[in-house]
Amino acid sequence: MLALIAGQGRLPELLAETAHQQGRDIVYCAFHDAPAGAVTPDIVFRMETLGTLLRKLRARKVTEVCLVGGIHRPKFDPFKLDLASLRLVPRFLSALGKGDDGALRAVLGLFEENGMTVRGAHEILPSLVPGAGVLSRVQPGKADRADAARGAEIVAAMGQADVGQACVVARRQALAIEAMPGTDWMLASLRDRAEGLPEGGLLYKAPKPGQDRRVDLPAIGPATIRGAAAAGLRGVVIEAGGVMILDRDDTVAAADAARLFLWVRDPEAS
């Protein structure tokens, strides 16, 4: 039995649909503040009731769990704790005092201690993670390749500080870096560029160095392409094997329509 711990976005519903097509039994678990979607949750929970969630999953004989979709770090409200979660309070407080990666590892550890194997979304649907190559009709040029290499350096440095997974680079200069509000917010901030900033450039997106790829793997989709086009970029580059593409056909079509390149870059590329 597989439990999907569903955050925001389209990906949780896509995985639920895929699991059903594969004939797998699933338990769909939604955070209490996740927007209503096409899938009716079997369980609705919050961080303060995580102990009860674990108990319910054990009762349903869940052996695998997948954390999927956008999950914002919640505020811990001690008044919403239930009895089954009281013993977890020290771990909650310790996790919230760490960076995003540390908090996620703490949560993953709880599921594993309860006999559940943590699976990545790309393990359930391998086609989410494309191999290296240019998917669009437009091809990156020499300057784009230099910008992509610079983007890889920047995202690696950001990852060491647990900051974000994307940046915008033009002429090897960082025009923007991703922070907590996310990639769409970063791209929107570039729509009206300050005087003196170089034109063009690209969005580069990759996982953090050493990131646990079973959870919080970065993703792009058609909206990402539209945001890049609105920001005046020439293309989008993602790390091969490290970034998911949602609705791949629509994403590629959006890139072709906007005359942007969409490059799945080998991390070993020069």
C-alpha atoms as a PDB file:
ATOM      1  CA  MET A   1       0.000   0.000   0.000  1.00  0.00           C
ATOM      2  CA  LEU A   2       1.303   3.429  -1.009  1.00  0.00           C
ATOM      3  CA  ALA A   3       0.527   6.677   0.814  1.00  0.00           C
ATOM      4  CA  LEU A   4       0.806   9.956  -1.090  1.00  0.00           C
ATOM      5  CA  ILE A   5       1.514  12.861   1.259  1.00  0.00           C
ATOM      6  CA  ALA A   6       0.142  15.576  -0.988  1.00  0.00           C
ATOM      7  CA  GLY A   7       1.162  19.210  -0.990  1.00  0.00           C
ATOM      8  CA  GLN A   8       0.214  21.877  -3.486  1.00  0.00           C
ATOM      9  CA  GLY A   9       0.297  21.816  -7.268  1.00  0.00           C
ATOM     10  CA  ARG A  10      -0.659  19.379  -9.985  1.00  0.00           C
ATOM     11  CA  LEU A  11       1.933  16.692  -9.259  1.00  0.00           C
ATOM     12  CA  PRO A  12       0.092  14.897  -6.395  1.00  0.00           C
ATOM     13  CA  GLU A  13      -2.990  14.383  -8.552  1.00  0.00           C
ATOM     14  CA  LEU A  14      -0.841  13.254 -11.481  1.00  0.00           C
ATOM     15  CA  LEU A  15       0.842  10.638  -9.301  1.00  0.00           C
ATOM     16  CA  ALA A  16      -2.487   9.481  -7.871  1.00  0.00           C
ATOM     17  CA  GLU A  17      -3.775   8.990 -11.411  1.00  0.00           C
ATOM     18  CA  THR A  18      -0.618   7.097 -12.398  1.00  0.00           C
ATOM     19  CA  ALA A  19      -0.766   4.849  -9.325  1.00  0.00           C
ATOM     20  CA  HIS A  20      -4.380   3.945 -10.085  1.00  0.00           C
ATOM     21  CA  GLN A  21      -3.432   3.154 -13.698  1.00  0.00           C
ATOM     22  CA  GLN A  22      -0.701   0.873 -12.354  1.00  0.00           C
ATOM     23  CA  GLY A  23      -3.320  -0.920 -10.261  1.00  0.00           C
ATOM     24  CA  ARG A  24      -1.791   0.248  -6.983  1.00  0.00           C
ATOM     25  CA  ASP A  25      -3.847   0.865  -3.868  1.00  0.00           C
ATOM     26  CA  ILE A  26      -3.123   4.298  -2.427  1.00  0.00           C
ATOM     27  CA  VAL A  27      -4.008   6.404   0.597  1.00  0.00           C
ATOM     28  CA  TYR A  28      -4.196  10.074  -0.415  1.00  0.00           C
ATOM     29  CA  CYS A  29      -3.182  12.282   2.521  1.00  0.00           C
ATOM     30  CA  ALA A  30      -3.557  16.062   2.177  1.00  0.00           C
ATOM     31  CA  PHE A  31      -2.190  18.875   4.321  1.00  0.00           C
ATOM     32  CA  HIS A  32      -5.017  20.765   5.961  1.00  0.00           C
ATOM     33  CA  ASP A  33      -4.263  23.968   4.043  1.00  0.00           C
ATOM     34  CA  ALA A  34      -3.743  22.378   0.614  1.00  0.00           C
ATOM     35  CA  PRO A  35      -6.171  23.740  -2.019  1.00  0.00           C
ATOM     36  CA  ALA A  36      -9.047  21.454  -2.951  1.00  0.00           C
ATOM     37  CA  GLY A  37      -8.330  19.443  -6.074  1.00  0.00           C
ATOM     38  CA  ALA A  38      -9.756  16.683  -8.218  1.00  0.00           C
ATOM     39  CA  VAL A  39      -8.750  13.958  -5.734  1.00  0.00           C
ATOM     40  CA  THR A  40     -10.784  13.638  -2.540  1.00  0.00           C
ATOM     41  CA  PRO A  41      -8.338  13.024   0.338  1.00  0.00           C
ATOM     42  CA  ASP A  42      -8.622   9.859   2.389  1.00  0.00           C
ATOM     43  CA  ILE A  43      -6.911  11.640   5.289  1.00  0.00           C
ATOM     44  CA  VAL A  44      -6.506  15.343   6.049  1.00  0.00           C
ATOM     45  CA  PHE A  45      -3.807  16.180   8.570  1.00  0.00           C
ATOM     46  CA  ARG A  46      -1.560  18.883   9.910  1.00  0.00           C
ATOM     47  CA  MET A  47       1.929  18.810  11.379  1.00  0.00           C
ATOM     48  CA  GLU A  48       0.546  18.836  14.919  1.00  0.00           C
ATOM     49  CA  THR A  49      -1.359  15.585  14.214  1.00  0.00           C
ATOM     50  CA  LEU A  50       1.489  13.744  12.502  1.00  0.00           C
ATOM     51  CA  GLY A  51       1.478  11.073  15.204  1.00  0.00           C
ATOM     52  CA  THR A  52      -2.150  10.272  14.412  1.00  0.00           C
ATOM     53  CA  LEU A  53      -1.353  10.192  10.686  1.00  0.00           C
ATOM     54  CA  LEU A  54       1.407   7.648  11.290  1.00  0.00           C
ATOM     55  CA  ARG A  55      -0.973   5.533  13.387  1.00  0.00           C
ATOM     56  CA  LYS A  56      -3.638   5.615  10.648  1.00  0.00           C
ATOM     57  CA  LEU A  57      -1.109   4.651   7.965  1.00  0.00           C
ATOM     58  CA  ARG A  58       0.113   1.700  10.013  1.00  0.00           C
ATOM     59  CA  ALA A  59      -3.488   0.586  10.511  1.00  0.00           C
ATOM     60  CA  ARG A  60      -3.986   0.651   6.732  1.00  0.00           C
ATOM     61  CA  LYS A  61      -0.849  -1.491   6.213  1.00  0.00           C
ATOM     62  CA  VAL A  62       0.988   1.265   4.318  1.00  0.00           C
ATOM     63  CA  THR A  63       4.495   0.130   3.376  1.00  0.00           C
ATOM     64  CA  GLU A  64       5.545   2.952   1.033  1.00  0.00           C
ATOM     65  CA  VAL A  65       5.127   6.710   1.244  1.00  0.00           C
ATOM     66  CA  CYS A  66       5.760   9.517  -1.234  1.00  0.00           C
ATOM     67  CA  LEU A  67       5.923  13.181  -0.207  1.00  0.00           C
ATOM     68  CA  VAL A  68       4.940  15.137  -3.275  1.00  0.00           C
ATOM     69  CA  GLY A  69       3.907  18.661  -4.224  1.00  0.00           C
ATOM     70  CA  GLY A  70       4.748  22.076  -2.832  1.00  0.00           C
ATOM     71  CA  ILE A  71       4.969  22.057   0.940  1.00  0.00           C
ATOM     72  CA  HIS A  72       5.570  25.296   2.816  1.00  0.00           C
ATOM     73  CA  ARG A  73       7.151  25.042   6.229  1.00  0.00           C
ATOM     74  CA  PRO A  74       4.216  25.188   8.650  1.00  0.00           C
ATOM     75  CA  LYS A  75       3.947  27.204  11.829  1.00  0.00           C
ATOM     76  CA  PHE A  76       3.837  24.928  14.839  1.00  0.00           C
ATOM     77  CA  ASP A  77       0.749  25.510  17.000  1.00  0.00           C
ATOM     78  CA  PRO A  78       1.007  23.612  20.318  1.00  0.00           C
ATOM     79  CA  PHE A  79      -2.711  24.118  20.955  1.00  0.00           C
ATOM     80  CA  LYS A  80      -3.527  21.909  17.950  1.00  0.00           C
ATOM     81  CA  LEU A  81      -1.451  18.951  19.134  1.00  0.00           C
ATOM     82  CA  ASP A  82      -3.263  15.669  19.630  1.00  0.00           C
ATOM     83  CA  LEU A  83      -2.301  12.992  22.142  1.00  0.00           C
ATOM     84  CA  ALA A  84      -0.638  10.741  19.576  1.00  0.00           C
ATOM     85  CA  SER A  85       1.728  13.549  18.597  1.00  0.00           C
ATOM     86  CA  LEU A  86       2.805  14.794  22.033  1.00  0.00           C
ATOM     87  CA  ARG A  87       5.847  12.541  22.117  1.00  0.00           C
ATOM     88  CA  LEU A  88       7.014  14.054  18.809  1.00  0.00           C
ATOM     89  CA  VAL A  89       7.167  17.647  20.114  1.00  0.00           C
ATOM     90  CA  PRO A  90      10.958  17.659  20.714  1.00  0.00           C
ATOM     91  CA  ARG A  91      11.527  16.415  17.155  1.00  0.00           C
ATOM     92  CA  PHE A  92       9.087  18.957  15.725  1.00  0.00           C
ATOM     93  CA  LEU A  93      10.916  21.812  17.427  1.00  0.00           C
ATOM     94  CA  SER A  94      14.323  20.488  16.416  1.00  0.00           C
ATOM     95  CA  ALA A  95      13.222  20.084  12.774  1.00  0.00           C
ATOM     96  CA  LEU A  96      11.752  23.581  12.586  1.00  0.00           C
ATOM     97  CA  GLY A  97      15.045  25.007  13.817  1.00  0.00           C
ATOM     98  CA  LYS A  98      16.916  23.515  10.865  1.00  0.00           C
ATOM     99  CA  GLY A  99      16.992  24.430   7.184  1.00  0.00           C
ATOM    100  CA  ASP A 100      14.495  22.988   4.722  1.00  0.00           C
ATOM    101  CA  ASP A 101      16.658  19.931   4.046  1.00  0.00           C
ATOM    102  CA  GLY A 102      17.103  19.214   7.752  1.00  0.00           C
ATOM    103  CA  ALA A 103      13.373  19.526   8.413  1.00  0.00           C
ATOM    104  CA  LEU A 104      12.536  17.182   5.546  1.00  0.00           C
ATOM    105  CA  ARG A 105      15.053  14.598   6.738  1.00  0.00           C
ATOM    106  CA  ALA A 106      13.464  14.648  10.178  1.00  0.00           C
ATOM    107  CA  VAL A 107      10.021  13.987   8.700  1.00  0.00           C
ATOM    108  CA  LEU A 108      11.345  11.237   6.422  1.00  0.00           C
ATOM    109  CA  GLY A 109      12.949   9.606   9.450  1.00  0.00           C
ATOM    110  CA  LEU A 110       9.572   9.372  11.199  1.00  0.00           C
ATOM    111  CA  PHE A 111       8.025   7.468   8.313  1.00  0.00           C
ATOM    112  CA  GLU A 112      11.022   5.137   8.058  1.00  0.00           C
ATOM    113  CA  GLU A 113      10.957   4.438  11.803  1.00  0.00           C
ATOM    114  CA  ASN A 114       7.353   3.355  11.346  1.00  0.00           C
ATOM    115  CA  GLY A 115       8.285   0.741   8.763  1.00  0.00           C
ATOM    116  CA  MET A 116       7.540   2.739   5.604  1.00  0.00           C
ATOM    117  CA  THR A 117       9.894   3.070   2.648  1.00  0.00           C
ATOM    118  CA  VAL A 118      10.112   6.601   1.260  1.00  0.00           C
ATOM    119  CA  ARG A 119       9.774   6.789  -2.534  1.00  0.00           C
ATOM    120  CA  GLY A 120      10.481   9.687  -4.846  1.00  0.00           C
ATOM    121  CA  ALA A 121       7.817  10.872  -7.292  1.00  0.00           C
ATOM    122  CA  HIS A 122      10.160   9.995 -10.144  1.00  0.00           C
ATOM    123  CA  GLU A 123      10.312   6.388  -8.899  1.00  0.00           C
ATOM    124  CA  ILE A 124       6.560   6.074  -9.367  1.00  0.00           C
ATOM    125  CA  LEU A 125       6.553   7.941 -12.675  1.00  0.00           C
ATOM    126  CA  PRO A 126      10.081   7.757 -14.184  1.00  0.00           C
ATOM    127  CA  SER A 127       9.107   9.777 -17.265  1.00  0.00           C
ATOM    128  CA  LEU A 128       8.922  12.879 -15.063  1.00  0.00           C
ATOM    129  CA  VAL A 129      12.728  13.117 -15.184  1.00  0.00           C
ATOM    130  CA  PRO A 130      14.014  13.446 -18.755  1.00  0.00           C
ATOM    131  CA  GLY A 131      17.420  12.474 -20.049  1.00  0.00           C
ATOM    132  CA  ALA A 132      19.934  14.966 -21.386  1.00  0.00           C
ATOM    133  CA  GLY A 133      19.186  16.826 -24.607  1.00  0.00           C
ATOM    134  CA  VAL A 134      17.486  19.865 -26.113  1.00  0.00           C
ATOM    135  CA  LEU A 135      13.723  19.279 -26.201  1.00  0.00           C
ATOM    136  CA  SER A 136      12.766  22.436 -28.093  1.00  0.00           C
ATOM    137  CA  ARG A 137      13.203  23.474 -31.703  1.00  0.00           C
ATOM    138  CA  VAL A 138      15.331  26.463 -30.674  1.00  0.00           C
ATOM    139  CA  GLN A 139      18.872  25.455 -29.735  1.00  0.00           C
ATOM    140  CA  PRO A 140      21.112  27.128 -27.125  1.00  0.00           C
ATOM    141  CA  GLY A 141      24.111  29.012 -28.482  1.00  0.00           C
ATOM    142  CA  LYS A 142      27.666  29.387 -27.234  1.00  0.00           C
ATOM    143  CA  ALA A 143      26.777  32.298 -24.923  1.00  0.00           C
ATOM    144  CA  ASP A 144      23.844  30.311 -23.528  1.00  0.00           C
ATOM    145  CA  ARG A 145      26.126  27.406 -22.724  1.00  0.00           C
ATOM    146  CA  ALA A 146      28.459  29.732 -20.835  1.00  0.00           C
ATOM    147  CA  ASP A 147      25.482  31.153 -18.906  1.00  0.00           C
ATOM    148  CA  ALA A 148      24.266  27.645 -18.085  1.00  0.00           C
ATOM    149  CA  ALA A 149      27.676  26.690 -16.697  1.00  0.00           C
ATOM    150  CA  ARG A 150      27.605  29.842 -14.568  1.00  0.00           C
ATOM    151  CA  GLY A 151      24.069  28.994 -13.434  1.00  0.00           C
ATOM    152  CA  ALA A 152      25.231  25.555 -12.301  1.00  0.00           C
ATOM    153  CA  GLU A 153      27.959  27.187 -10.199  1.00  0.00           C
ATOM    154  CA  ILE A 154      25.500  29.622  -8.628  1.00  0.00           C
ATOM    155  CA  VAL A 155      22.860  27.025  -7.758  1.00  0.00           C
ATOM    156  CA  ALA A 156      25.543  24.765  -6.247  1.00  0.00           C
ATOM    157  CA  ALA A 157      26.695  27.649  -4.033  1.00  0.00           C
ATOM    158  CA  MET A 158      23.088  28.465  -3.097  1.00  0.00           C
ATOM    159  CA  GLY A 159      22.495  24.851  -2.192  1.00  0.00           C
ATOM    160  CA  GLN A 160      25.343  24.858   0.295  1.00  0.00           C
ATOM    161  CA  ALA A 161      23.449  27.612   2.145  1.00  0.00           C
ATOM    162  CA  ASP A 162      20.090  25.791   1.695  1.00  0.00           C
ATOM    163  CA  VAL A 163      18.647  28.823  -0.136  1.00  0.00           C
ATOM    164  CA  GLY A 164      17.025  27.768  -3.418  1.00  0.00           C
ATOM    165  CA  GLN A 165      17.243  25.647  -6.549  1.00  0.00           C
ATOM    166  CA  ALA A 166      17.152  28.163  -9.399  1.00  0.00           C
ATOM    167  CA  CYS A 167      18.670  31.366 -10.708  1.00  0.00           C
ATOM    168  CA  VAL A 168      18.567  33.642 -13.746  1.00  0.00           C
ATOM    169  CA  VAL A 169      21.850  34.348 -15.536  1.00  0.00           C
ATOM    170  CA  ALA A 170      22.686  36.682 -18.431  1.00  0.00           C
ATOM    171  CA  ARG A 171      26.203  37.274 -19.743  1.00  0.00           C
ATOM    172  CA  ARG A 172      27.456  35.155 -16.835  1.00  0.00           C
ATOM    173  CA  GLN A 173      25.941  37.586 -14.342  1.00  0.00           C
ATOM    174  CA  ALA A 174      23.335  36.535 -11.773  1.00  0.00           C
ATOM    175  CA  LEU A 175      20.208  38.623 -12.336  1.00  0.00           C
ATOM    176  CA  ALA A 176      18.054  36.836  -9.745  1.00  0.00           C
ATOM    177  CA  ILE A 177      18.179  33.887  -7.361  1.00  0.00           C
ATOM    178  CA  GLU A 178      15.303  31.807  -6.082  1.00  0.00           C
ATOM    179  CA  ALA A 179      14.232  32.317  -2.477  1.00  0.00           C
ATOM    180  CA  MET A 180      11.298  31.075  -0.404  1.00  0.00           C
ATOM    181  CA  PRO A 181       8.526  32.537  -2.661  1.00  0.00           C
ATOM    182  CA  GLY A 182       9.697  30.261  -5.488  1.00  0.00           C
ATOM    183  CA  THR A 183      10.601  30.299  -9.177  1.00  0.00           C
ATOM    184  CA  ASP A 184       7.436  31.979 -10.459  1.00  0.00           C
ATOM    185  CA  TRP A 185       7.960  34.886  -8.055  1.00  0.00           C
ATOM    186  CA  MET A 186      11.600  35.216  -9.120  1.00  0.00           C
ATOM    187  CA  LEU A 187      10.676  35.339 -12.801  1.00  0.00           C
ATOM    188  CA  ALA A 188       7.898  37.857 -12.173  1.00  0.00           C
ATOM    189  CA  SER A 189      10.402  40.139 -10.452  1.00  0.00           C
ATOM    190  CA  LEU A 190      12.354  40.373 -13.711  1.00  0.00           C
ATOM    191  CA  ARG A 191       9.509  41.494 -15.954  1.00  0.00           C
ATOM    192  CA  ASP A 192      10.470  45.145 -15.485  1.00  0.00           C
ATOM    193  CA  ARG A 193      14.252  45.067 -15.453  1.00  0.00           C
ATOM    194  CA  ALA A 194      16.166  47.854 -13.815  1.00  0.00           C
ATOM    195  CA  GLU A 195      18.193  50.057 -16.132  1.00  0.00           C
ATOM    196  CA  GLY A 196      21.589  48.599 -16.864  1.00  0.00           C
ATOM    197  CA  LEU A 197      20.683  44.939 -16.454  1.00  0.00           C
ATOM    198  CA  PRO A 198      21.643  42.829 -19.480  1.00  0.00           C
ATOM    199  CA  GLU A 199      18.917  41.602 -21.801  1.00  0.00           C
ATOM    200  CA  GLY A 200      18.147  37.962 -22.485  1.00  0.00           C
ATOM    201  CA  GLY A 201      19.625  35.277 -20.297  1.00  0.00           C
ATOM    202  CA  LEU A 202      18.269  31.978 -19.042  1.00  0.00           C
ATOM    203  CA  LEU A 203      16.632  30.261 -16.122  1.00  0.00           C
ATOM    204  CA  TYR A 204      18.789  27.522 -14.611  1.00  0.00           C
ATOM    205  CA  LYS A 205      17.255  24.979 -12.229  1.00  0.00           C
ATOM    206  CA  ALA A 206      18.835  22.016 -10.441  1.00  0.00           C
ATOM    207  CA  PRO A 207      18.657  20.119  -7.143  1.00  0.00           C
ATOM    208  CA  LYS A 208      20.838  21.194  -4.255  1.00  0.00           C
ATOM    209  CA  PRO A 209      24.161  19.356  -3.802  1.00  0.00           C
ATOM    210  CA  GLY A 210      23.621  16.345  -1.583  1.00  0.00           C
ATOM    211  CA  GLN A 211      19.843  16.772  -1.665  1.00  0.00           C
ATOM    212  CA  ASP A 212      17.733  13.754  -0.775  1.00  0.00           C
ATOM    213  CA  ARG A 213      16.144  13.200  -4.169  1.00  0.00           C
ATOM    214  CA  ARG A 214      13.244  11.229  -2.772  1.00  0.00           C
ATOM    215  CA  VAL A 215      11.561  14.500  -1.813  1.00  0.00           C
ATOM    216  CA  ASP A 216      11.479  18.151  -2.880  1.00  0.00           C
ATOM    217  CA  LEU A 217      12.946  17.428  -6.317  1.00  0.00           C
ATOM    218  CA  PRO A 218      12.606  20.649  -8.330  1.00  0.00           C
ATOM    219  CA  ALA A 219      10.101  20.772 -11.177  1.00  0.00           C
ATOM    220  CA  ILE A 220       9.083  22.938 -14.118  1.00  0.00           C
ATOM    221  CA  GLY A 221       5.974  23.028 -16.294  1.00  0.00           C
ATOM    222  CA  PRO A 222       4.224  25.169 -18.885  1.00  0.00           C
ATOM    223  CA  ALA A 223       3.792  28.015 -16.375  1.00  0.00           C
ATOM    224  CA  THR A 224       7.573  28.111 -15.908  1.00  0.00           C
ATOM    225  CA  ILE A 225       8.066  28.569 -19.646  1.00  0.00           C
ATOM    226  CA  ARG A 226       5.467  31.316 -19.781  1.00  0.00           C
ATOM    227  CA  GLY A 227       7.130  33.053 -16.847  1.00  0.00           C
ATOM    228  CA  ALA A 228      10.538  32.854 -18.533  1.00  0.00           C
ATOM    229  CA  ALA A 229       9.103  34.277 -21.746  1.00  0.00           C
ATOM    230  CA  ALA A 230       7.414  37.139 -19.880  1.00  0.00           C
ATOM    231  CA  ALA A 231      10.733  37.901 -18.184  1.00  0.00           C
ATOM    232  CA  GLY A 232      12.419  38.242 -21.584  1.00  0.00           C
ATOM    233  CA  LEU A 233      14.651  35.179 -21.233  1.00  0.00           C
ATOM    234  CA  ARG A 234      16.053  33.195 -24.128  1.00  0.00           C
ATOM    235  CA  GLY A 235      15.565  29.791 -22.586  1.00  0.00           C
ATOM    236  CA  VAL A 236      15.272  27.392 -19.659  1.00  0.00           C
ATOM    237  CA  VAL A 237      17.967  24.949 -18.571  1.00  0.00           C
ATOM    238  CA  ILE A 238      17.428  22.101 -16.104  1.00  0.00           C
ATOM    239  CA  GLU A 239      19.849  19.513 -14.785  1.00  0.00           C
ATOM    240  CA  ALA A 240      19.437  16.095 -16.396  1.00  0.00           C
ATOM    241  CA  GLY A 241      18.279  13.504 -13.890  1.00  0.00           C
ATOM    242  CA  GLY A 242      17.571  16.126 -11.234  1.00  0.00           C
ATOM    243  CA  VAL A 243      14.511  18.136 -12.304  1.00  0.00           C
ATOM    244  CA  MET A 244      11.013  16.932 -13.152  1.00  0.00           C
ATOM    245  CA  ILE A 245       8.991  18.227 -16.093  1.00  0.00           C
ATOM    246  CA  LEU A 246       5.239  18.232 -15.509  1.00  0.00           C
ATOM    247  CA  ASP A 247       3.023  17.945 -18.605  1.00  0.00           C
ATOM    248  CA  ARG A 248       6.094  17.516 -20.799  1.00  0.00           C
ATOM    249  CA  ASP A 249       4.327  17.814 -24.154  1.00  0.00           C
ATOM    250  CA  ASP A 250       2.619  21.051 -23.120  1.00  0.00           C
ATOM    251  CA  THR A 251       5.880  22.381 -21.675  1.00  0.00           C
ATOM    252  CA  VAL A 252       7.808  21.724 -24.872  1.00  0.00           C
ATOM    253  CA  ALA A 253       4.966  23.179 -26.933  1.00  0.00           C
ATOM    254  CA  ALA A 254       5.026  26.314 -24.769  1.00  0.00           C
ATOM    255  CA  ALA A 255       8.776  26.670 -25.337  1.00  0.00           C
ATOM    256  CA  ASP A 256       8.362  26.297 -29.095  1.00  0.00           C
ATOM    257  CA  ALA A 257       5.498  28.786 -29.158  1.00  0.00           C
ATOM    258  CA  ALA A 258       7.570  31.330 -27.221  1.00  0.00           C
ATOM    259  CA  ARG A 259      10.699  30.565 -29.298  1.00  0.00           C
ATOM    260  CA  LEU A 260      12.654  29.644 -26.190  1.00  0.00           C
ATOM    261  CA  PHE A 261      15.109  26.795 -25.887  1.00  0.00           C
ATOM    262  CA  LEU A 262      14.445  24.063 -23.319  1.00  0.00           C
ATOM    263  CA  TRP A 263      17.707  22.304 -22.536  1.00  0.00           C
ATOM    264  CA  VAL A 264      18.074  19.296 -20.249  1.00  0.00           C
ATOM    265  CA  ARG A 265      21.754  19.753 -19.454  1.00  0.00           C
ATOM    266  CA  ASP A 266      24.133  16.975 -18.476  1.00  0.00           C
ATOM    267  CA  PRO A 267      25.641  18.084 -15.138  1.00  0.00           C
ATOM    268  CA  GLU A 268      29.046  17.029 -16.473  1.00  0.00           C
ATOM    269  CA  ALA A 269      28.738  19.344 -19.493  1.00  0.00           C
ATOM    270  CA  SER A 270      31.377  22.030 -19.918  1.00  0.00           C
END
